[in-house]
């Protein structure tokens, strides 16, 4: 009986959050270890399905870096990164599109459909969803001086047309989006999924954007767990990037947070996707997890 009461208490704790977010759009950037660990993968799908069943409007934007890297190795290509972004030549962007659209996206859609929710897979090319342009990687020297580097068919979002997303959401579907955009001349661009999720969330005026990562959140010193940052302002984030406190793969995530907030997303959270049911813990409990980025 005590165990049953504890379960009931957990459900009651979630009630005000279900009420608060009922009918709201929640964009989830799905990536990291939660995509390659089978147990975590299933728990993410359970979380997203639950959000849908309690009346929220989830949207998934997924990455697929490890799958792309693995396939590149099979064809004898080495991966290189600049400021957390993959250097992408013509062959690499073709492989990335094939892996993201043909394998990763369809797998996610299938797992959600098997749980009784209706999911639809999309590329950024579909219905003109994501218009893209070339993105230059930003680097800083020891003096903090900025420089831009061309890294190939790496894109940035030029425009989002949410009409297909609005149609799907209004008809009860969960959109699952691969981060491939199309340029003015029809060329494909591989876009960092964090950036795509940020732009999608902003365009939809989402209540929340959740970025699933392989870390607990943001630290001033990653080696010192006492320097964990639970709340980060826009001004602080920009300064931390410039001074090198935030570096490497965390740069795109923080830049995505800033863009999303500036575009109209209410709140952005960087959460640890390695923790089972991290989405539910963030949205439906009083404690929450990770680092939140605010204006």
C-alpha atoms as a PDB file:
ATOM      1  CA  UNK A   1       0.000   0.000   0.000  1.00  0.00           C
ATOM      2  CA  UNK A   2       2.830   2.390   0.877  1.00  0.00           C
ATOM      3  CA  UNK A   3       4.420   1.741  -2.510  1.00  0.00           C
ATOM      4  CA  UNK A   4       1.111   2.451  -4.258  1.00  0.00           C
ATOM      5  CA  UNK A   5       0.683   5.706  -2.318  1.00  0.00           C
ATOM      6  CA  UNK A   6       4.190   6.773  -3.336  1.00  0.00           C
ATOM      7  CA  UNK A   7       3.285   6.178  -6.978  1.00  0.00           C
ATOM      8  CA  UNK A   8       0.110   8.217  -6.540  1.00  0.00           C
ATOM      9  CA  UNK A   9       2.126  11.016  -4.945  1.00  0.00           C
ATOM     10  CA  UNK A  10       4.440  11.102  -7.945  1.00  0.00           C
ATOM     11  CA  UNK A  11       1.477  11.464 -10.293  1.00  0.00           C
ATOM     12  CA  UNK A  12      -0.031  14.223  -8.159  1.00  0.00           C
ATOM     13  CA  UNK A  13       3.316  16.066  -8.164  1.00  0.00           C
ATOM     14  CA  UNK A  14       3.225  16.025 -11.975  1.00  0.00           C
ATOM     15  CA  UNK A  15      -0.343  17.376 -12.199  1.00  0.00           C
ATOM     16  CA  UNK A  16       0.412  21.145 -12.012  1.00  0.00           C
ATOM     17  CA  UNK A  17       3.108  20.789 -14.679  1.00  0.00           C
ATOM     18  CA  UNK A  18       0.755  18.823 -16.935  1.00  0.00           C
ATOM     19  CA  UNK A  19      -1.790  21.615 -16.491  1.00  0.00           C
ATOM     20  CA  UNK A  20       0.815  24.313 -17.163  1.00  0.00           C
ATOM     21  CA  UNK A  21       2.150  22.724 -20.335  1.00  0.00           C
ATOM     22  CA  UNK A  22      -1.099  21.286 -21.683  1.00  0.00           C
ATOM     23  CA  UNK A  23      -1.456  22.291 -25.322  1.00  0.00           C
ATOM     24  CA  UNK A  24       2.037  23.838 -25.362  1.00  0.00           C
ATOM     25  CA  UNK A  25       4.727  23.072 -27.920  1.00  0.00           C
ATOM     26  CA  UNK A  26       7.837  21.391 -26.502  1.00  0.00           C
ATOM     27  CA  UNK A  27      10.812  21.056 -28.850  1.00  0.00           C
ATOM     28  CA  UNK A  28      13.296  18.324 -27.982  1.00  0.00           C
ATOM     29  CA  UNK A  29      16.748  18.125 -29.516  1.00  0.00           C
ATOM     30  CA  UNK A  30      17.533  14.416 -29.360  1.00  0.00           C
ATOM     31  CA  UNK A  31      21.195  13.464 -29.544  1.00  0.00           C
ATOM     32  CA  UNK A  32      24.225  12.166 -27.694  1.00  0.00           C
ATOM     33  CA  UNK A  33      24.401   8.903 -25.788  1.00  0.00           C
ATOM     34  CA  UNK A  34      20.602   8.754 -25.545  1.00  0.00           C
ATOM     35  CA  UNK A  35      20.648   7.965 -29.276  1.00  0.00           C
ATOM     36  CA  UNK A  36      23.157   5.107 -29.150  1.00  0.00           C
ATOM     37  CA  UNK A  37      22.356   3.432 -25.813  1.00  0.00           C
ATOM     38  CA  UNK A  38      19.405   1.137 -26.480  1.00  0.00           C
ATOM     39  CA  UNK A  39      17.954   1.366 -22.961  1.00  0.00           C
ATOM     40  CA  UNK A  40      18.141   5.182 -22.920  1.00  0.00           C
ATOM     41  CA  UNK A  41      16.708   5.308 -26.423  1.00  0.00           C
ATOM     42  CA  UNK A  42      13.601   3.434 -25.313  1.00  0.00           C
ATOM     43  CA  UNK A  43      13.160   5.695 -22.277  1.00  0.00           C
ATOM     44  CA  UNK A  44      13.328   8.832 -24.423  1.00  0.00           C
ATOM     45  CA  UNK A  45      10.594   7.412 -26.658  1.00  0.00           C
ATOM     46  CA  UNK A  46       8.512   6.613 -23.566  1.00  0.00           C
ATOM     47  CA  UNK A  47       8.957  10.183 -22.303  1.00  0.00           C
ATOM     48  CA  UNK A  48       7.968  11.751 -25.629  1.00  0.00           C
ATOM     49  CA  UNK A  49       4.947   9.454 -25.916  1.00  0.00           C
ATOM     50  CA  UNK A  50       3.841  10.412 -22.414  1.00  0.00           C
ATOM     51  CA  UNK A  51       4.105  14.122 -23.222  1.00  0.00           C
ATOM     52  CA  UNK A  52       1.843  13.553 -26.207  1.00  0.00           C
ATOM     53  CA  UNK A  53      -0.703  11.524 -24.238  1.00  0.00           C
ATOM     54  CA  UNK A  54      -1.028  14.183 -21.508  1.00  0.00           C
ATOM     55  CA  UNK A  55      -1.799  16.880 -24.045  1.00  0.00           C
ATOM     56  CA  UNK A  56       1.503  18.501 -25.001  1.00  0.00           C
ATOM     57  CA  UNK A  57       2.715  19.054 -28.562  1.00  0.00           C
ATOM     58  CA  UNK A  58       6.218  17.525 -28.775  1.00  0.00           C
ATOM     59  CA  UNK A  59       8.514  18.118 -31.735  1.00  0.00           C
ATOM     60  CA  UNK A  60      11.765  16.168 -32.118  1.00  0.00           C
ATOM     61  CA  UNK A  61      14.856  17.456 -33.902  1.00  0.00           C
ATOM     62  CA  UNK A  62      17.510  14.760 -33.950  1.00  0.00           C
ATOM     63  CA  UNK A  63      21.221  14.572 -34.511  1.00  0.00           C
ATOM     64  CA  UNK A  64      23.141  11.551 -35.669  1.00  0.00           C
ATOM     65  CA  UNK A  65      26.818  12.393 -35.363  1.00  0.00           C
ATOM     66  CA  UNK A  66      27.974   8.969 -34.121  1.00  0.00           C
ATOM     67  CA  UNK A  67      26.119   7.196 -36.940  1.00  0.00           C
ATOM     68  CA  UNK A  68      27.639   9.565 -39.521  1.00  0.00           C
ATOM     69  CA  UNK A  69      31.119   9.074 -38.058  1.00  0.00           C
ATOM     70  CA  UNK A  70      30.696   5.296 -38.107  1.00  0.00           C
ATOM     71  CA  UNK A  71      29.603   5.273 -41.741  1.00  0.00           C
ATOM     72  CA  UNK A  72      32.430   7.616 -42.752  1.00  0.00           C
ATOM     73  CA  UNK A  73      34.904   5.195 -41.176  1.00  0.00           C
ATOM     74  CA  UNK A  74      33.424   2.375 -43.266  1.00  0.00           C
ATOM     75  CA  UNK A  75      34.238   4.300 -46.442  1.00  0.00           C
ATOM     76  CA  UNK A  76      37.682   5.317 -45.175  1.00  0.00           C
ATOM     77  CA  UNK A  77      37.006   8.953 -44.314  1.00  0.00           C
ATOM     78  CA  UNK A  78      38.217  10.561 -41.097  1.00  0.00           C
ATOM     79  CA  UNK A  79      36.077  13.107 -39.255  1.00  0.00           C
ATOM     80  CA  UNK A  80      37.438  16.533 -38.351  1.00  0.00           C
ATOM     81  CA  UNK A  81      35.769  19.239 -36.275  1.00  0.00           C
ATOM     82  CA  UNK A  82      36.180  23.004 -35.880  1.00  0.00           C
ATOM     83  CA  UNK A  83      34.439  24.679 -32.919  1.00  0.00           C
ATOM     84  CA  UNK A  84      32.276  21.592 -32.497  1.00  0.00           C
ATOM     85  CA  UNK A  85      31.151  21.541 -36.157  1.00  0.00           C
ATOM     86  CA  UNK A  86      31.981  18.710 -38.568  1.00  0.00           C
ATOM     87  CA  UNK A  87      34.123  19.619 -41.563  1.00  0.00           C
ATOM     88  CA  UNK A  88      31.910  18.515 -44.473  1.00  0.00           C
ATOM     89  CA  UNK A  89      32.997  18.047 -48.084  1.00  0.00           C
ATOM     90  CA  UNK A  90      30.638  17.040 -50.924  1.00  0.00           C
ATOM     91  CA  UNK A  91      30.934  13.302 -50.269  1.00  0.00           C
ATOM     92  CA  UNK A  92      30.470  13.773 -46.524  1.00  0.00           C
ATOM     93  CA  UNK A  93      27.247  15.775 -46.900  1.00  0.00           C
ATOM     94  CA  UNK A  94      25.820  13.050 -49.155  1.00  0.00           C
ATOM     95  CA  UNK A  95      26.636  10.437 -46.515  1.00  0.00           C
ATOM     96  CA  UNK A  96      25.244  12.621 -43.731  1.00  0.00           C
ATOM     97  CA  UNK A  97      21.962  13.089 -45.576  1.00  0.00           C
ATOM     98  CA  UNK A  98      21.657   9.394 -46.274  1.00  0.00           C
ATOM     99  CA  UNK A  99      22.314   8.438 -42.651  1.00  0.00           C
ATOM    100  CA  UNK A 100      20.131  11.140 -41.069  1.00  0.00           C
ATOM    101  CA  UNK A 101      17.142  10.799 -43.408  1.00  0.00           C
ATOM    102  CA  UNK A 102      17.322   7.142 -44.314  1.00  0.00           C
ATOM    103  CA  UNK A 103      18.329   5.518 -41.039  1.00  0.00           C
ATOM    104  CA  UNK A 104      18.142   7.687 -37.934  1.00  0.00           C
ATOM    105  CA  UNK A 105      14.911   9.509 -38.737  1.00  0.00           C
ATOM    106  CA  UNK A 106      12.976   6.432 -39.786  1.00  0.00           C
ATOM    107  CA  UNK A 107      14.119   4.514 -36.692  1.00  0.00           C
ATOM    108  CA  UNK A 108      12.803   7.248 -34.361  1.00  0.00           C
ATOM    109  CA  UNK A 109       9.490   7.455 -36.206  1.00  0.00           C
ATOM    110  CA  UNK A 110       9.072   3.695 -36.021  1.00  0.00           C
ATOM    111  CA  UNK A 111       9.779   3.569 -32.269  1.00  0.00           C
ATOM    112  CA  UNK A 112       7.202   6.270 -31.572  1.00  0.00           C
ATOM    113  CA  UNK A 113       4.575   4.720 -33.817  1.00  0.00           C
ATOM    114  CA  UNK A 114       5.056   1.400 -32.022  1.00  0.00           C
ATOM    115  CA  UNK A 115       4.032   3.180 -28.796  1.00  0.00           C
ATOM    116  CA  UNK A 116       0.713   4.210 -30.238  1.00  0.00           C
ATOM    117  CA  UNK A 117       1.465   7.841 -31.010  1.00  0.00           C
ATOM    118  CA  UNK A 118       1.485   9.156 -34.559  1.00  0.00           C
ATOM    119  CA  UNK A 119       4.903  10.367 -35.714  1.00  0.00           C
ATOM    120  CA  UNK A 120       5.953  11.667 -39.130  1.00  0.00           C
ATOM    121  CA  UNK A 121       9.540  11.937 -40.323  1.00  0.00           C
ATOM    122  CA  UNK A 122      10.711  15.066 -42.128  1.00  0.00           C
ATOM    123  CA  UNK A 123      13.874  16.381 -43.694  1.00  0.00           C
ATOM    124  CA  UNK A 124      14.402  20.102 -43.729  1.00  0.00           C
ATOM    125  CA  UNK A 125      13.927  19.799 -47.492  1.00  0.00           C
ATOM    126  CA  UNK A 126      10.307  18.681 -47.110  1.00  0.00           C
ATOM    127  CA  UNK A 127       7.707  21.377 -47.875  1.00  0.00           C
ATOM    128  CA  UNK A 128      10.464  24.002 -47.768  1.00  0.00           C
ATOM    129  CA  UNK A 129      10.804  23.531 -44.009  1.00  0.00           C
ATOM    130  CA  UNK A 130      14.454  24.654 -43.702  1.00  0.00           C
ATOM    131  CA  UNK A 131      16.126  27.076 -46.103  1.00  0.00           C
ATOM    132  CA  UNK A 132      19.873  27.071 -45.525  1.00  0.00           C
ATOM    133  CA  UNK A 133      23.004  29.036 -46.304  1.00  0.00           C
ATOM    134  CA  UNK A 134      26.694  28.286 -45.721  1.00  0.00           C
ATOM    135  CA  UNK A 135      27.887  28.608 -42.127  1.00  0.00           C
ATOM    136  CA  UNK A 136      31.433  29.639 -41.303  1.00  0.00           C
ATOM    137  CA  UNK A 137      32.924  28.257 -38.108  1.00  0.00           C
ATOM    138  CA  UNK A 138      33.920  30.859 -35.529  1.00  0.00           C
ATOM    139  CA  UNK A 139      37.279  30.454 -33.798  1.00  0.00           C
ATOM    140  CA  UNK A 140      39.178  32.610 -31.296  1.00  0.00           C
ATOM    141  CA  UNK A 141      42.926  33.010 -30.862  1.00  0.00           C
ATOM    142  CA  UNK A 142      44.721  33.263 -27.528  1.00  0.00           C
ATOM    143  CA  UNK A 143      44.049  37.005 -27.420  1.00  0.00           C
ATOM    144  CA  UNK A 144      40.324  36.419 -27.900  1.00  0.00           C
ATOM    145  CA  UNK A 145      40.325  37.720 -31.482  1.00  0.00           C
ATOM    146  CA  UNK A 146      37.615  36.212 -33.691  1.00  0.00           C
ATOM    147  CA  UNK A 147      38.146  34.576 -37.090  1.00  0.00           C
ATOM    148  CA  UNK A 148      35.836  32.681 -39.478  1.00  0.00           C
ATOM    149  CA  UNK A 149      36.711  29.385 -41.196  1.00  0.00           C
ATOM    150  CA  UNK A 150      34.992  27.756 -44.212  1.00  0.00           C
ATOM    151  CA  UNK A 151      34.302  24.085 -43.365  1.00  0.00           C
ATOM    152  CA  UNK A 152      32.354  23.025 -46.468  1.00  0.00           C
ATOM    153  CA  UNK A 153      28.706  22.015 -46.753  1.00  0.00           C
ATOM    154  CA  UNK A 154      27.887  23.011 -43.210  1.00  0.00           C
ATOM    155  CA  UNK A 155      24.807  25.154 -43.107  1.00  0.00           C
ATOM    156  CA  UNK A 156      22.991  27.631 -41.004  1.00  0.00           C
ATOM    157  CA  UNK A 157      19.263  28.214 -41.011  1.00  0.00           C
ATOM    158  CA  UNK A 158      18.265  31.060 -43.331  1.00  0.00           C
ATOM    159  CA  UNK A 159      14.504  30.649 -42.912  1.00  0.00           C
ATOM    160  CA  UNK A 160      11.933  28.304 -41.403  1.00  0.00           C
ATOM    161  CA  UNK A 161       8.524  27.649 -42.940  1.00  0.00           C
ATOM    162  CA  UNK A 162       6.428  26.122 -40.141  1.00  0.00           C
ATOM    163  CA  UNK A 163       3.325  25.444 -42.262  1.00  0.00           C
ATOM    164  CA  UNK A 164       3.958  21.685 -42.490  1.00  0.00           C
ATOM    165  CA  UNK A 165       4.716  21.550 -38.749  1.00  0.00           C
ATOM    166  CA  UNK A 166       1.557  23.490 -37.892  1.00  0.00           C
ATOM    167  CA  UNK A 167      -0.508  21.112 -39.997  1.00  0.00           C
ATOM    168  CA  UNK A 168       1.011  18.022 -38.392  1.00  0.00           C
ATOM    169  CA  UNK A 169       0.748  19.339 -34.825  1.00  0.00           C
ATOM    170  CA  UNK A 170      -2.833  20.496 -35.290  1.00  0.00           C
ATOM    171  CA  UNK A 171      -3.744  17.007 -36.516  1.00  0.00           C
ATOM    172  CA  UNK A 172      -2.143  15.161 -33.624  1.00  0.00           C
ATOM    173  CA  UNK A 173       1.169  14.109 -35.167  1.00  0.00           C
ATOM    174  CA  UNK A 174       4.668  14.329 -33.680  1.00  0.00           C
ATOM    175  CA  UNK A 175       7.069  15.823 -36.260  1.00  0.00           C
ATOM    176  CA  UNK A 176      10.521  14.201 -36.270  1.00  0.00           C
ATOM    177  CA  UNK A 177      13.009  16.406 -38.118  1.00  0.00           C
ATOM    178  CA  UNK A 178      16.391  15.563 -39.647  1.00  0.00           C
ATOM    179  CA  UNK A 179      18.735  18.598 -39.712  1.00  0.00           C
ATOM    180  CA  UNK A 180      19.291  18.837 -43.451  1.00  0.00           C
ATOM    181  CA  UNK A 181      18.533  22.146 -45.150  1.00  0.00           C
ATOM    182  CA  UNK A 182      18.426  23.199 -48.788  1.00  0.00           C
ATOM    183  CA  UNK A 183      20.313  26.155 -50.281  1.00  0.00           C
ATOM    184  CA  UNK A 184      19.225  28.612 -52.976  1.00  0.00           C
ATOM    185  CA  UNK A 185      20.734  26.432 -55.705  1.00  0.00           C
ATOM    186  CA  UNK A 186      19.227  23.215 -54.351  1.00  0.00           C
ATOM    187  CA  UNK A 187      22.407  22.031 -52.631  1.00  0.00           C
ATOM    188  CA  UNK A 188      22.124  20.131 -49.349  1.00  0.00           C
ATOM    189  CA  UNK A 189      23.607  21.457 -46.140  1.00  0.00           C
ATOM    190  CA  UNK A 190      24.243  19.492 -42.986  1.00  0.00           C
ATOM    191  CA  UNK A 191      23.166  21.758 -40.122  1.00  0.00           C
ATOM    192  CA  UNK A 192      24.042  21.256 -36.486  1.00  0.00           C
ATOM    193  CA  UNK A 193      20.903  19.803 -34.874  1.00  0.00           C
ATOM    194  CA  UNK A 194      21.188  22.182 -31.908  1.00  0.00           C
ATOM    195  CA  UNK A 195      20.867  25.148 -34.271  1.00  0.00           C
ATOM    196  CA  UNK A 196      17.933  23.586 -36.113  1.00  0.00           C
ATOM    197  CA  UNK A 197      16.130  22.814 -32.855  1.00  0.00           C
ATOM    198  CA  UNK A 198      16.675  26.404 -31.724  1.00  0.00           C
ATOM    199  CA  UNK A 199      15.291  27.865 -34.946  1.00  0.00           C
ATOM    200  CA  UNK A 200      12.327  25.480 -34.977  1.00  0.00           C
ATOM    201  CA  UNK A 201      11.527  26.283 -31.345  1.00  0.00           C
ATOM    202  CA  UNK A 202      11.748  30.007 -31.992  1.00  0.00           C
ATOM    203  CA  UNK A 203       9.610  29.867 -35.130  1.00  0.00           C
ATOM    204  CA  UNK A 204       6.945  27.847 -33.307  1.00  0.00           C
ATOM    205  CA  UNK A 205       7.154  30.123 -30.227  1.00  0.00           C
ATOM    206  CA  UNK A 206       7.666  26.972 -28.190  1.00  0.00           C
ATOM    207  CA  UNK A 207       7.133  26.946 -24.460  1.00  0.00           C
ATOM    208  CA  UNK A 208      10.407  25.066 -23.965  1.00  0.00           C
ATOM    209  CA  UNK A 209      13.411  23.789 -25.855  1.00  0.00           C
ATOM    210  CA  UNK A 210      15.181  20.822 -24.283  1.00  0.00           C
ATOM    211  CA  UNK A 211      18.700  19.956 -25.480  1.00  0.00           C
ATOM    212  CA  UNK A 212      19.677  16.394 -24.547  1.00  0.00           C
ATOM    213  CA  UNK A 213      23.444  16.192 -24.051  1.00  0.00           C
ATOM    214  CA  UNK A 214      26.136  13.938 -22.605  1.00  0.00           C
ATOM    215  CA  UNK A 215      26.843  16.211 -19.653  1.00  0.00           C
ATOM    216  CA  UNK A 216      24.940  17.375 -16.585  1.00  0.00           C
ATOM    217  CA  UNK A 217      24.934  20.932 -17.926  1.00  0.00           C
ATOM    218  CA  UNK A 218      27.381  23.839 -18.021  1.00  0.00           C
ATOM    219  CA  UNK A 219      30.403  24.256 -15.732  1.00  0.00           C
ATOM    220  CA  UNK A 220      32.792  27.168 -15.288  1.00  0.00           C
ATOM    221  CA  UNK A 221      35.474  24.501 -14.866  1.00  0.00           C
ATOM    222  CA  UNK A 222      34.452  21.066 -16.133  1.00  0.00           C
ATOM    223  CA  UNK A 223      37.021  19.400 -13.888  1.00  0.00           C
ATOM    224  CA  UNK A 224      35.481  21.002 -10.794  1.00  0.00           C
ATOM    225  CA  UNK A 225      31.927  19.774 -10.218  1.00  0.00           C
ATOM    226  CA  UNK A 226      31.360  22.547  -7.670  1.00  0.00           C
ATOM    227  CA  UNK A 227      31.373  25.095 -10.518  1.00  0.00           C
ATOM    228  CA  UNK A 228      28.118  23.801 -12.013  1.00  0.00           C
ATOM    229  CA  UNK A 229      25.908  26.588 -13.405  1.00  0.00           C
ATOM    230  CA  UNK A 230      22.187  25.976 -12.863  1.00  0.00           C
ATOM    231  CA  UNK A 231      21.094  29.273 -14.455  1.00  0.00           C
ATOM    232  CA  UNK A 232      22.939  31.122 -17.213  1.00  0.00           C
ATOM    233  CA  UNK A 233      21.969  34.514 -18.613  1.00  0.00           C
ATOM    234  CA  UNK A 234      22.390  35.476 -22.258  1.00  0.00           C
ATOM    235  CA  UNK A 235      25.103  38.028 -21.407  1.00  0.00           C
ATOM    236  CA  UNK A 236      27.046  35.524 -19.289  1.00  0.00           C
ATOM    237  CA  UNK A 237      26.862  32.885 -22.007  1.00  0.00           C
ATOM    238  CA  UNK A 238      28.277  35.218 -24.663  1.00  0.00           C
ATOM    239  CA  UNK A 239      31.133  36.223 -22.371  1.00  0.00           C
ATOM    240  CA  UNK A 240      31.945  32.595 -21.475  1.00  0.00           C
ATOM    241  CA  UNK A 241      32.229  31.667 -25.166  1.00  0.00           C
ATOM    242  CA  UNK A 242      34.525  34.611 -25.898  1.00  0.00           C
ATOM    243  CA  UNK A 243      36.798  33.878 -22.933  1.00  0.00           C
ATOM    244  CA  UNK A 244      36.956  30.130 -23.581  1.00  0.00           C
ATOM    245  CA  UNK A 245      35.082  28.966 -20.473  1.00  0.00           C
ATOM    246  CA  UNK A 246      32.558  27.462 -22.879  1.00  0.00           C
ATOM    247  CA  UNK A 247      34.398  25.668 -25.681  1.00  0.00           C
ATOM    248  CA  UNK A 248      34.282  22.790 -28.181  1.00  0.00           C
ATOM    249  CA  UNK A 249      30.992  20.957 -28.632  1.00  0.00           C
ATOM    250  CA  UNK A 250      29.279  23.074 -25.984  1.00  0.00           C
ATOM    251  CA  UNK A 251      29.602  26.207 -28.173  1.00  0.00           C
ATOM    252  CA  UNK A 252      26.895  25.177 -30.677  1.00  0.00           C
ATOM    253  CA  UNK A 253      24.585  24.217 -27.832  1.00  0.00           C
ATOM    254  CA  UNK A 254      24.931  27.567 -26.069  1.00  0.00           C
ATOM    255  CA  UNK A 255      24.680  29.485 -29.333  1.00  0.00           C
ATOM    256  CA  UNK A 256      21.499  27.516 -30.033  1.00  0.00           C
ATOM    257  CA  UNK A 257      20.122  28.472 -26.623  1.00  0.00           C
ATOM    258  CA  UNK A 258      20.789  32.155 -27.269  1.00  0.00           C
ATOM    259  CA  UNK A 259      19.223  32.063 -30.734  1.00  0.00           C
ATOM    260  CA  UNK A 260      16.160  30.240 -29.479  1.00  0.00           C
ATOM    261  CA  UNK A 261      15.491  32.726 -26.677  1.00  0.00           C
ATOM    262  CA  UNK A 262      16.033  35.689 -28.990  1.00  0.00           C
ATOM    263  CA  UNK A 263      13.561  34.156 -31.463  1.00  0.00           C
ATOM    264  CA  UNK A 264      10.764  33.725 -28.941  1.00  0.00           C
ATOM    265  CA  UNK A 265      11.201  30.455 -27.045  1.00  0.00           C
ATOM    266  CA  UNK A 266      10.153  30.926 -23.450  1.00  0.00           C
ATOM    267  CA  UNK A 267      12.905  28.836 -21.811  1.00  0.00           C
ATOM    268  CA  UNK A 268      15.801  26.631 -22.863  1.00  0.00           C
ATOM    269  CA  UNK A 269      17.255  23.753 -20.844  1.00  0.00           C
ATOM    270  CA  UNK A 270      20.454  21.760 -21.344  1.00  0.00           C
ATOM    271  CA  UNK A 271      19.817  18.398 -19.701  1.00  0.00           C
ATOM    272  CA  UNK A 272      21.717  15.157 -19.263  1.00  0.00           C
ATOM    273  CA  UNK A 273      20.316  12.661 -21.746  1.00  0.00           C
ATOM    274  CA  UNK A 274      22.318   9.893 -20.066  1.00  0.00           C
ATOM    275  CA  UNK A 275      19.939  10.057 -17.114  1.00  0.00           C
ATOM    276  CA  UNK A 276      16.923   7.794 -17.647  1.00  0.00           C
ATOM    277  CA  UNK A 277      13.670   9.711 -18.188  1.00  0.00           C
ATOM    278  CA  UNK A 278      15.517  13.047 -18.151  1.00  0.00           C
ATOM    279  CA  UNK A 279      12.727  14.703 -20.155  1.00  0.00           C
ATOM    280  CA  UNK A 280      10.071  13.767 -17.609  1.00  0.00           C
ATOM    281  CA  UNK A 281      12.327  14.763 -14.716  1.00  0.00           C
ATOM    282  CA  UNK A 282      12.806  18.203 -16.255  1.00  0.00           C
ATOM    283  CA  UNK A 283       9.218  18.884 -17.254  1.00  0.00           C
ATOM    284  CA  UNK A 284       7.072  17.091 -14.690  1.00  0.00           C
ATOM    285  CA  UNK A 285       8.930  17.314 -11.371  1.00  0.00           C
ATOM    286  CA  UNK A 286       9.617  20.180  -8.973  1.00  0.00           C
ATOM    287  CA  UNK A 287      13.389  19.636  -8.862  1.00  0.00           C
ATOM    288  CA  UNK A 288      14.277  19.747 -12.557  1.00  0.00           C
ATOM    289  CA  UNK A 289      17.784  19.009 -13.847  1.00  0.00           C
ATOM    290  CA  UNK A 290      20.502  20.638 -15.951  1.00  0.00           C
ATOM    291  CA  UNK A 291      21.292  24.247 -16.841  1.00  0.00           C
ATOM    292  CA  UNK A 292      18.590  26.686 -17.852  1.00  0.00           C
ATOM    293  CA  UNK A 293      19.406  29.620 -20.113  1.00  0.00           C
ATOM    294  CA  UNK A 294      17.343  32.776 -19.574  1.00  0.00           C
ATOM    295  CA  UNK A 295      17.208  36.343 -20.894  1.00  0.00           C
END
